[in-house]
């Protein structure tokens, strides 16, 4: 008899320093679909849902998908929004609990609603109240999860991404599904333990392409091959959340049926956590001042590809506003030519520009409107409108290939020698189509300034002549002391650089 498995995706990375709240409309703008509509939209792409479907086909499940809900990183999730989406999942579990064999969820691990610090733990607590302690529950987490003890207590199986840029979502969904299948079949009895160190996050935010974490991820893969060890998950943490259970963790899902495996799992978790701690000063990035980045751009030879300048601190993918102006100002002051910049998330400017027509010259105040103290205030600029669009595009890179997205009302404004992508919606730059769909050909530019920490590398590094990283002083600045932490436990690295274990 086929097993009945309930699945859902509910994902948000919450920056508690950001003003406002994440509302249902923010999920609707990014991804909010139920049942078959969700499967049609996201079930064949690089998503956890696609991995769940792979597991279902492999094992012959009766898989019931409730909802896929994802909003771009932003402020805390409003209670009404959380209750609405969590309610859909819990209502389905309540209606089907007598026939359910297991639950499989795609979560993030850094969701902070406005009424508690652990959104994932809250959802799991509500589900456990419905289905009881014995129902197998497996979850997939982003590697930037602040994985809490509550998550580990309430979910039997936890699998986290092992790549940053994130390109293994489908693979991890399948892995979690396979472990769940073994559990439902009675072949294993899984539990997940957790190790943690007093850090805000891993020094390189979990980069899997360079630096000390490359060896740590490889060690985790080797550990997963040992008998009784089913998942070894490394979470870099998310330092933009001012919560008590913040920071990097190592989670090991093991089989309680095998004697001695729990002790082995604990040894693995502590060994990998020690490796994260011991490399806490080994930053791979050199965070340039924006003026230095622009100076490098002024003399750059783009014959082997454009110079990519990544504004690490204004990354919308970590909840920054995406409207910091310091880097753009430096690029304009340097009189760069054949350059591009984006996205500049400024709905007011986008509305003003899209009210005109292509070819018009427009003066306006651009960017810097959310919090000028982080990344610079509005720029008074004049430029020519090169394109007006509804902002829709389809990704074709390693992270979002085949997925439909929209920036909302969008315009390209050429200011001197720089094509600036001005958008309404919240999204970091992680796919070349986010430029190409709006007439900007990245490979043909000499310099590209973009807002992203790391995800951009998957699509843009292959075409680049060089990549540099700058700190514009925006909300996600690596200068942690500029953010006013109140809830994180002290001492903690790097706020307290001399902290010891």
Protein backbone atom coordinates (compact mmCIF):
# COMPACT_ATOMS: atom_id res chain seq x y z
CA UNK A 1 0.00 0.00 0.00
CA UNK A 2 1.40 3.39 -0.99
CA UNK A 3 2.36 5.74 1.80
CA UNK A 4 0.48 8.98 2.28
CA UNK A 5 2.91 11.90 2.62
CA UNK A 6 1.98 15.52 3.24
CA UNK A 7 4.38 18.10 1.77
CA UNK A 8 4.66 21.87 1.89
CA UNK A 9 7.13 24.72 1.41
CA UNK A 10 7.11 27.77 3.71
CA UNK A 11 10.29 29.83 3.43
CA UNK A 12 11.41 33.22 4.65
CA UNK A 13 14.72 34.65 5.84
CA UNK A 14 13.91 37.42 8.31
CA UNK A 15 16.17 40.42 8.86
CA UNK A 16 15.08 41.71 12.26
CA UNK A 17 16.93 45.01 11.72
CA UNK A 18 14.79 45.90 8.72
CA UNK A 19 11.86 48.26 9.15
CA UNK A 20 8.31 47.13 8.47
CA UNK A 21 6.86 43.65 8.18
CA UNK A 22 6.65 40.87 5.63
CA UNK A 23 3.03 40.56 4.57
CA UNK A 24 1.02 38.06 2.55
CA UNK A 25 1.43 40.31 -0.49
CA UNK A 26 5.17 39.78 -0.29
CA UNK A 27 4.65 36.03 -0.59
CA UNK A 28 2.17 36.55 -3.42
CA UNK A 29 4.77 38.64 -5.27
CA UNK A 30 7.40 35.90 -4.99
CA UNK A 31 5.73 32.49 -4.72
CA UNK A 32 2.37 31.53 -3.24
CA UNK A 33 0.51 28.63 -4.79
CA UNK A 34 -1.42 25.64 -3.50
CA UNK A 35 -1.65 21.99 -4.50
CA UNK A 36 -1.43 21.21 -8.19
CA UNK A 37 -0.86 24.86 -9.07
CA UNK A 38 2.29 24.84 -6.95
CA UNK A 39 3.46 21.59 -8.53
CA UNK A 40 2.91 23.02 -12.02
CA UNK A 41 4.85 26.19 -11.18
CA UNK A 42 7.76 24.81 -9.14
CA UNK A 43 7.74 21.02 -9.43
CA UNK A 44 10.16 20.66 -12.33
CA UNK A 45 12.73 23.30 -11.33
CA UNK A 46 15.62 23.31 -8.85
CA UNK A 47 13.38 23.37 -5.78
CA UNK A 48 12.79 21.26 -2.71
CA UNK A 49 9.34 20.46 -4.09
CA UNK A 50 10.92 18.95 -7.20
CA UNK A 51 13.06 16.78 -4.93
CA UNK A 52 9.99 15.73 -2.95
CA UNK A 53 8.31 14.71 -6.20
CA UNK A 54 11.41 12.74 -7.22
CA UNK A 55 11.26 10.86 -3.91
CA UNK A 56 7.54 10.28 -4.31
CA UNK A 57 7.93 8.79 -7.78
CA UNK A 58 10.83 6.65 -6.62
CA UNK A 59 8.94 5.21 -3.64
CA UNK A 60 5.42 5.24 -5.07
CA UNK A 61 3.92 7.60 -2.48
CA UNK A 62 0.51 9.15 -2.45
CA UNK A 63 1.98 12.64 -2.09
CA UNK A 64 -0.32 15.50 -1.14
CA UNK A 65 1.26 18.93 -1.60
CA UNK A 66 -0.40 21.67 0.42
CA UNK A 67 1.32 24.93 -0.46
CA UNK A 68 4.50 26.55 -1.71
CA UNK A 69 5.06 29.92 -0.03
CA UNK A 70 8.25 31.91 -0.43
CA UNK A 71 8.94 35.60 0.05
CA UNK A 72 12.19 37.40 -0.56
CA UNK A 73 14.26 38.08 2.57
CA UNK A 74 12.83 40.97 4.53
CA UNK A 75 11.46 42.20 7.82
CA UNK A 76 9.80 39.96 10.41
CA UNK A 77 6.78 38.02 9.16
CA UNK A 78 3.49 39.54 10.32
CA UNK A 79 1.49 37.25 12.58
CA UNK A 80 -1.56 37.26 10.32
CA UNK A 81 0.62 36.19 7.40
CA UNK A 82 2.35 33.45 9.38
CA UNK A 83 -0.96 32.17 10.75
CA UNK A 84 -2.52 32.14 7.28
CA UNK A 85 0.21 30.03 5.64
CA UNK A 86 0.94 27.85 8.67
CA UNK A 87 -2.81 27.41 9.02
CA UNK A 88 -3.07 25.93 5.53
CA UNK A 89 -0.43 23.33 6.42
CA UNK A 90 -1.91 22.56 9.83
CA UNK A 91 -5.46 22.33 8.48
CA UNK A 92 -4.33 19.77 5.91
CA UNK A 93 -2.49 17.77 8.59
CA UNK A 94 -5.58 17.86 10.80
CA UNK A 95 -7.85 16.70 7.99
CA UNK A 96 -5.54 13.86 6.88
CA UNK A 97 -3.85 12.81 10.12
CA UNK A 98 -5.61 9.45 10.37
CA UNK A 99 -4.21 8.32 7.01
CA UNK A 100 -0.85 10.13 7.02
CA UNK A 101 2.41 8.19 7.14
CA UNK A 102 4.78 11.17 7.15
CA UNK A 103 5.30 14.90 6.64
CA UNK A 104 8.00 16.48 4.45
CA UNK A 105 8.62 20.25 4.55
CA UNK A 106 10.82 22.72 2.70
CA UNK A 107 11.60 25.45 5.23
CA UNK A 108 14.36 28.03 5.58
CA UNK A 109 15.49 28.00 9.19
CA UNK A 110 15.79 31.76 9.70
CA UNK A 111 12.15 32.84 9.76
CA UNK A 112 11.32 35.24 12.58
CA UNK A 113 7.65 36.14 12.96
CA UNK A 114 6.73 39.28 14.88
CA UNK A 115 5.48 37.25 17.86
CA UNK A 116 8.35 34.76 18.39
CA UNK A 117 11.97 34.15 17.41
CA UNK A 118 11.66 30.73 15.75
CA UNK A 119 9.09 30.51 12.96
CA UNK A 120 10.07 27.00 11.93
CA UNK A 121 9.96 25.78 15.52
CA UNK A 122 6.53 27.37 15.92
CA UNK A 123 5.19 25.63 12.80
CA UNK A 124 6.61 22.28 13.91
CA UNK A 125 5.12 22.75 17.38
CA UNK A 126 1.68 23.33 15.90
CA UNK A 127 2.03 20.27 13.67
CA UNK A 128 3.15 18.06 16.55
CA UNK A 129 0.10 19.15 18.53
CA UNK A 130 -2.02 17.78 15.68
CA UNK A 131 -0.21 14.59 14.60
CA UNK A 132 1.46 13.62 17.87
CA UNK A 133 5.05 12.65 18.69
CA UNK A 134 5.31 9.52 16.55
CA UNK A 135 4.55 10.89 13.07
CA UNK A 136 7.82 11.05 11.08
CA UNK A 137 8.60 14.64 10.07
CA UNK A 138 11.47 15.55 7.74
CA UNK A 139 12.52 19.10 6.91
CA UNK A 140 14.93 20.71 4.47
CA UNK A 141 16.72 23.89 5.56
CA UNK A 142 18.71 26.58 3.81
CA UNK A 143 22.34 26.49 4.97
CA UNK A 144 21.82 30.00 6.37
CA UNK A 145 19.45 28.61 8.97
CA UNK A 146 19.70 29.57 12.61
CA UNK A 147 18.85 25.98 13.50
CA UNK A 148 17.34 25.89 16.98
CA UNK A 149 17.10 23.11 19.57
CA UNK A 150 13.33 23.21 19.09
CA UNK A 151 13.67 22.38 15.40
CA UNK A 152 15.89 19.40 16.23
CA UNK A 153 13.53 18.18 18.94
CA UNK A 154 10.40 18.36 16.78
CA UNK A 155 11.75 17.22 13.38
CA UNK A 156 13.12 13.69 13.21
CA UNK A 157 15.07 14.35 10.01
CA UNK A 158 16.86 17.56 9.01
CA UNK A 159 18.75 18.04 5.76
CA UNK A 160 20.39 21.36 4.85
CA UNK A 161 21.81 22.64 1.57
CA UNK A 162 25.53 22.04 1.06
CA UNK A 163 26.14 24.72 -1.56
CA UNK A 164 26.44 28.50 -1.49
CA UNK A 165 25.58 29.72 -4.08
CA UNK A 166 22.60 27.43 -3.50
CA UNK A 167 22.33 24.97 -6.39
CA UNK A 168 21.36 21.74 -4.59
CA UNK A 169 17.78 22.39 -3.46
CA UNK A 170 16.28 19.56 -5.50
CA UNK A 171 19.04 17.18 -4.45
CA UNK A 172 18.48 17.92 -0.77
CA UNK A 173 14.72 17.51 -1.15
CA UNK A 174 15.28 14.05 -2.62
CA UNK A 175 17.74 13.17 0.15
CA UNK A 176 15.24 14.14 2.85
CA UNK A 177 12.51 12.20 1.07
CA UNK A 178 14.62 9.07 0.90
CA UNK A 179 15.39 9.22 4.62
CA UNK A 180 11.69 9.73 5.33
CA UNK A 181 10.85 6.68 3.20
CA UNK A 182 13.24 4.52 5.23
CA UNK A 183 11.63 5.82 8.41
CA UNK A 184 8.05 5.18 7.28
CA UNK A 185 9.06 1.67 6.19
CA UNK A 186 10.40 0.95 9.68
CA UNK A 187 13.98 0.43 8.53
CA UNK A 188 15.41 3.26 10.63
CA UNK A 189 14.45 5.29 13.72
CA UNK A 190 16.00 8.73 13.11
CA UNK A 191 16.78 11.59 15.45
CA UNK A 192 18.79 14.77 14.94
CA UNK A 193 21.36 16.24 17.32
CA UNK A 194 22.90 19.71 17.24
CA UNK A 195 26.29 21.32 17.97
CA UNK A 196 26.77 25.07 18.20
CA UNK A 197 29.51 27.64 18.76
CA UNK A 198 29.19 31.23 20.08
CA UNK A 199 29.34 33.01 16.72
CA UNK A 200 26.96 35.24 14.77
CA UNK A 201 27.71 33.29 11.61
CA UNK A 202 30.45 31.38 9.84
CA UNK A 203 33.10 33.90 8.78
CA UNK A 204 32.44 33.38 5.04
CA UNK A 205 28.67 32.88 5.40
CA UNK A 206 29.05 29.26 4.39
CA UNK A 207 30.76 29.70 1.01
CA UNK A 208 31.14 26.34 -0.70
CA UNK A 209 33.27 27.54 -3.61
CA UNK A 210 36.32 28.79 -1.70
CA UNK A 211 37.76 29.01 1.79
CA UNK A 212 37.77 26.75 4.84
CA UNK A 213 34.19 25.52 4.45
CA UNK A 214 34.96 23.60 1.26
CA UNK A 215 36.78 20.95 3.28
CA UNK A 216 34.09 20.98 5.99
CA UNK A 217 31.31 20.25 3.48
CA UNK A 218 33.40 17.47 1.97
CA UNK A 219 33.98 15.99 5.41
CA UNK A 220 30.21 16.07 6.00
CA UNK A 221 29.61 14.14 2.77
CA UNK A 222 32.14 11.52 3.83
CA UNK A 223 30.48 11.22 7.26
CA UNK A 224 27.10 10.61 5.59
CA UNK A 225 28.50 7.42 4.08
CA UNK A 226 28.99 5.80 7.51
CA UNK A 227 26.43 3.22 8.66
CA UNK A 228 23.62 4.75 10.69
CA UNK A 229 24.44 8.34 9.64
CA UNK A 230 21.83 9.73 7.25
CA UNK A 231 22.44 13.49 7.07
CA UNK A 232 25.23 15.77 8.22
CA UNK A 233 24.08 19.35 7.81
CA UNK A 234 26.19 22.47 8.26
CA UNK A 235 24.33 25.71 8.83
CA UNK A 236 26.35 28.90 8.54
CA UNK A 237 23.78 30.92 10.48
CA UNK A 238 22.13 34.24 9.67
CA UNK A 239 23.58 37.20 11.53
CA UNK A 240 20.89 39.64 10.36
CA UNK A 241 18.52 38.09 12.90
CA UNK A 242 18.88 39.45 16.43
CA UNK A 243 17.66 36.35 18.26
CA UNK A 244 18.91 34.16 21.09
CA UNK A 245 19.51 31.00 19.02
CA UNK A 246 21.69 32.63 16.38
CA UNK A 247 24.76 31.34 14.61
CA UNK A 248 26.39 28.36 12.93
CA UNK A 249 25.34 24.84 13.82
CA UNK A 250 26.09 21.30 12.75
CA UNK A 251 23.16 18.88 12.72
CA UNK A 252 23.50 15.11 12.40
CA UNK A 253 20.53 12.87 11.66
CA UNK A 254 21.34 9.33 12.81
CA UNK A 255 19.61 5.99 13.38
CA UNK A 256 18.76 5.31 17.02
CA UNK A 257 18.39 1.60 16.26
CA UNK A 258 22.14 1.12 15.93
CA UNK A 259 24.19 0.94 19.12
CA UNK A 260 26.95 3.51 19.41
CA UNK A 261 25.78 5.66 16.50
CA UNK A 262 24.53 8.51 18.68
CA UNK A 263 27.99 8.90 20.21
CA UNK A 264 29.55 8.80 16.75
CA UNK A 265 27.08 11.42 15.52
CA UNK A 266 27.96 13.66 18.46
CA UNK A 267 31.66 13.27 17.69
CA UNK A 268 31.06 14.30 14.07
CA UNK A 269 29.00 17.34 15.02
CA UNK A 270 31.61 18.56 17.49
CA UNK A 271 34.51 17.97 15.09
CA UNK A 272 32.86 20.01 12.33
CA UNK A 273 31.77 22.73 14.75
CA UNK A 274 35.36 22.99 15.97
CA UNK A 275 36.51 23.43 12.37
CA UNK A 276 34.08 26.33 11.91
CA UNK A 277 35.25 27.91 15.15
CA UNK A 278 38.95 27.49 14.42
CA UNK A 279 38.63 29.22 11.03
CA UNK A 280 36.69 32.20 12.42
CA UNK A 281 39.36 34.72 11.36
CA UNK A 282 39.92 33.26 7.85
CA UNK A 283 37.75 35.58 5.76
CA UNK A 284 37.91 34.99 2.00
CA UNK A 285 36.49 38.41 1.13
CA UNK A 286 38.34 41.68 1.20
CA UNK A 287 35.62 44.29 1.66
CA UNK A 288 36.67 47.32 -0.38
CA UNK A 289 35.48 50.85 0.20
CA UNK A 290 33.27 51.94 -2.69
CA UNK A 291 35.79 54.55 -3.82
CA UNK A 292 38.52 51.90 -4.05
CA UNK A 293 36.22 49.63 -6.03
CA UNK A 294 35.42 52.45 -8.47
CA UNK A 295 39.11 53.28 -8.82
CA UNK A 296 39.85 49.66 -9.76
CA UNK A 297 37.02 49.84 -12.29
CA UNK A 298 38.43 53.00 -13.87
CA UNK A 299 41.57 51.24 -15.01
CA UNK A 300 40.14 47.80 -15.64
CA UNK A 301 40.89 45.91 -18.86
CA UNK A 302 37.67 44.12 -19.76
CA UNK A 303 39.11 42.18 -22.68
CA UNK A 304 38.65 38.92 -20.73
CA UNK A 305 35.26 39.82 -19.32
CA UNK A 306 33.67 42.53 -17.20
CA UNK A 307 34.70 43.55 -13.72
CA UNK A 308 31.99 42.47 -11.30
CA UNK A 309 31.61 44.68 -8.21
CA UNK A 310 29.39 43.00 -5.65
CA UNK A 311 27.84 45.25 -2.99
CA UNK A 312 27.90 42.70 -0.19
CA UNK A 313 26.20 44.91 2.36
CA UNK A 314 23.17 45.91 0.27
CA UNK A 315 22.19 42.37 -0.60
CA UNK A 316 18.39 42.08 -0.85
CA UNK A 317 18.98 38.35 -0.35
CA UNK A 318 19.83 39.00 3.29
CA UNK A 319 17.03 41.48 3.84
CA UNK A 320 18.90 44.69 3.02
CA UNK A 321 16.81 47.37 1.38
CA UNK A 322 18.54 47.16 -2.00
CA UNK A 323 18.43 50.93 -2.43
CA UNK A 324 21.86 51.93 -1.10
CA UNK A 325 23.47 54.57 -3.31
CA UNK A 326 27.09 54.78 -2.15
CA UNK A 327 28.45 52.36 -4.75
CA UNK A 328 26.47 53.90 -7.62
CA UNK A 329 27.64 57.37 -6.60
CA UNK A 330 31.27 56.22 -6.59
CA UNK A 331 30.83 54.67 -10.05
CA UNK A 332 29.27 57.89 -11.38
CA UNK A 333 31.97 60.03 -9.78
CA UNK A 334 34.57 57.82 -11.50
CA UNK A 335 32.85 58.52 -14.85
CA UNK A 336 32.72 54.84 -15.75
CA UNK A 337 31.62 53.97 -19.26
CA UNK A 338 29.89 50.89 -20.68
CA UNK A 339 28.81 49.95 -17.16
CA UNK A 340 25.68 48.49 -15.60
CA UNK A 341 24.25 48.64 -12.11
CA UNK A 342 21.38 46.79 -10.50
CA UNK A 343 19.04 46.27 -9.04
CA UNK A 344 18.17 49.63 -7.52
CA UNK A 345 15.01 48.77 -5.59
CA UNK A 346 13.06 52.04 -5.59
CA UNK A 347 9.33 51.65 -6.31
CA UNK A 348 8.83 55.42 -6.25
CA UNK A 349 11.50 56.03 -8.90
CA UNK A 350 10.31 53.05 -10.96
CA UNK A 351 6.77 54.46 -11.00
CA UNK A 352 8.07 57.87 -12.06
CA UNK A 353 10.17 56.41 -14.85
CA UNK A 354 7.52 54.03 -16.20
CA UNK A 355 5.11 56.94 -16.50
CA UNK A 356 7.40 58.29 -19.23
CA UNK A 357 8.35 56.75 -22.57
CA UNK A 358 11.58 55.29 -23.89
CA UNK A 359 13.96 58.02 -25.00
CA UNK A 360 12.78 60.62 -22.48
CA UNK A 361 15.36 62.37 -20.34
CA UNK A 362 14.28 62.45 -16.71
CA UNK A 363 15.57 64.07 -13.54
CA UNK A 364 14.72 62.31 -10.27
CA UNK A 365 15.81 61.34 -6.76
CA UNK A 366 17.08 57.78 -6.96
CA UNK A 367 17.51 55.31 -4.08
CA UNK A 368 18.47 55.87 -0.46
CA UNK A 369 14.92 56.40 0.75
CA UNK A 370 14.48 53.63 3.33
CA UNK A 371 17.31 54.43 5.71
CA UNK A 372 20.00 56.79 4.40
CA UNK A 373 22.17 55.98 7.44
CA UNK A 374 22.82 52.59 5.83
CA UNK A 375 24.41 52.93 2.41
CA UNK A 376 23.73 56.54 1.48
CA UNK A 377 20.79 58.82 0.78
CA UNK A 378 18.98 59.66 -2.48
CA UNK A 379 20.99 60.72 -5.51
CA UNK A 380 19.85 63.60 -7.69
CA UNK A 381 20.38 62.18 -11.18
CA UNK A 382 19.44 62.81 -14.79
CA UNK A 383 19.37 60.16 -17.46
CA UNK A 384 17.78 58.73 -20.56
CA UNK A 385 15.14 56.01 -20.30
CA UNK A 386 16.35 53.04 -22.33
CA UNK A 387 13.62 50.53 -21.51
CA UNK A 388 10.29 50.24 -19.69
CA UNK A 389 8.96 46.84 -18.61
CA UNK A 390 6.55 45.00 -16.34
CA UNK A 391 9.66 43.39 -14.84
CA UNK A 392 8.94 39.78 -15.79
CA UNK A 393 11.75 37.38 -16.58
CA UNK A 394 12.49 33.65 -16.61
CA UNK A 395 15.74 32.51 -15.03
CA UNK A 396 18.19 30.41 -16.99
CA UNK A 397 21.14 30.14 -14.59
CA UNK A 398 22.12 27.46 -12.08
CA UNK A 399 19.91 28.75 -9.24
CA UNK A 400 16.55 29.75 -10.76
CA UNK A 401 16.56 28.14 -14.21
CA UNK A 402 13.03 27.85 -15.57
CA UNK A 403 11.42 29.81 -12.75
CA UNK A 404 9.22 32.81 -13.51
CA UNK A 405 9.94 35.98 -11.53
CA UNK A 406 9.07 39.64 -11.68
CA UNK A 407 10.74 42.83 -10.50
CA UNK A 408 7.41 44.66 -10.87
CA UNK A 409 7.38 47.93 -12.82
CA UNK A 410 10.92 48.30 -14.10
CA UNK A 411 12.97 50.78 -16.12
CA UNK A 412 16.53 51.05 -17.38
CA UNK A 413 17.90 54.55 -16.92
CA UNK A 414 21.20 55.43 -18.61
CA UNK A 415 23.04 57.92 -16.40
CA UNK A 416 26.15 59.07 -18.22
CA UNK A 417 27.85 55.76 -19.07
CA UNK A 418 25.96 53.53 -16.62
CA UNK A 419 22.75 51.59 -17.33
CA UNK A 420 20.89 51.46 -14.04
CA UNK A 421 18.19 48.81 -13.55
CA UNK A 422 15.48 50.49 -11.45
CA UNK A 423 12.90 48.05 -10.07
CA UNK A 424 9.95 47.88 -7.72
CA UNK A 425 10.23 44.35 -6.33
CA UNK A 426 12.66 42.86 -3.85
CA UNK A 427 15.29 40.55 -5.35
CA UNK A 428 19.05 40.16 -5.32
CA UNK A 429 21.04 39.70 -8.52
CA UNK A 430 21.62 35.99 -9.08
CA UNK A 431 20.82 35.30 -12.73
CA UNK A 432 21.98 36.96 -15.95
CA UNK A 433 18.37 37.14 -17.14
CA UNK A 434 17.80 39.78 -14.47
CA UNK A 435 19.82 42.02 -16.77
CA UNK A 436 19.32 40.40 -20.19
CA UNK A 437 15.53 40.47 -20.06
CA UNK A 438 15.80 44.26 -19.84
CA UNK A 439 18.24 44.81 -22.67
CA UNK A 440 21.48 44.80 -20.64
CA UNK A 441 23.95 42.19 -21.90
CA UNK A 442 26.32 41.50 -18.99
CA UNK A 443 29.09 39.90 -21.05
CA UNK A 444 29.27 43.00 -23.26
CA UNK A 445 29.76 45.43 -20.36
CA UNK A 446 33.09 46.56 -18.96
CA UNK A 447 31.91 46.97 -15.37
CA UNK A 448 28.87 45.60 -13.54
CA UNK A 449 27.87 46.76 -10.08
CA UNK A 450 25.34 44.43 -8.51
CA UNK A 451 23.68 43.79 -5.18
CA UNK A 452 24.43 40.31 -3.87
CA UNK A 453 26.74 38.59 -1.39
CA UNK A 454 27.51 35.30 -3.04
CA UNK A 455 24.67 33.93 -5.17
CA UNK A 456 25.69 36.13 -8.10
CA UNK A 457 28.83 34.02 -8.52
CA UNK A 458 26.95 31.04 -9.96
CA UNK A 459 25.81 32.99 -13.04
CA UNK A 460 28.23 35.92 -13.28
CA UNK A 461 31.64 34.60 -12.27
CA UNK A 462 31.93 32.44 -15.43
CA UNK A 463 31.72 35.55 -17.66
CA UNK A 464 33.80 37.86 -15.48
CA UNK A 465 37.32 39.08 -15.91
CA UNK A 466 37.52 39.70 -12.18
CA UNK A 467 35.23 39.81 -9.15
CA UNK A 468 35.65 42.23 -6.26
CA UNK A 469 33.48 42.75 -3.20
CA UNK A 470 32.69 46.06 -1.53
CA UNK A 471 30.96 47.25 1.62
CA UNK A 472 28.77 50.26 0.90
CA UNK A 473 27.78 50.52 4.56
CA UNK A 474 24.25 49.24 3.90
CA UNK A 475 22.08 47.23 6.28
CA UNK A 476 23.90 43.91 5.85
CA UNK A 477 27.34 45.38 6.36
CA UNK A 478 29.97 42.93 7.65
CA UNK A 479 30.77 45.62 10.22
CA UNK A 480 28.50 43.91 12.74
CA UNK A 481 29.04 46.58 15.40
CA UNK A 482 27.00 49.02 13.31
CA UNK A 483 23.87 46.98 14.01
CA UNK A 484 22.39 47.27 17.47
CA UNK A 485 22.09 43.71 18.77
CA UNK A 486 19.94 43.32 21.89
CA UNK A 487 18.93 39.66 22.03
CA UNK A 488 21.96 37.62 20.94
CA UNK A 489 23.78 35.96 23.86
CA UNK A 490 27.04 37.61 24.87
CA UNK A 491 29.92 37.09 24.56
CA UNK A 492 29.70 36.13 20.89
CA UNK A 493 32.13 36.33 17.99
CA UNK A 494 32.84 38.73 16.30
CA UNK A 495 31.09 41.31 18.48
CA UNK A 496 33.40 40.00 21.19
CA UNK A 497 36.54 39.06 19.31
CA UNK A 498 38.33 37.61 22.32
CA UNK A 499 35.56 35.18 23.30
CA UNK A 500 36.83 31.69 24.17
CA UNK A 501 35.12 28.31 24.43
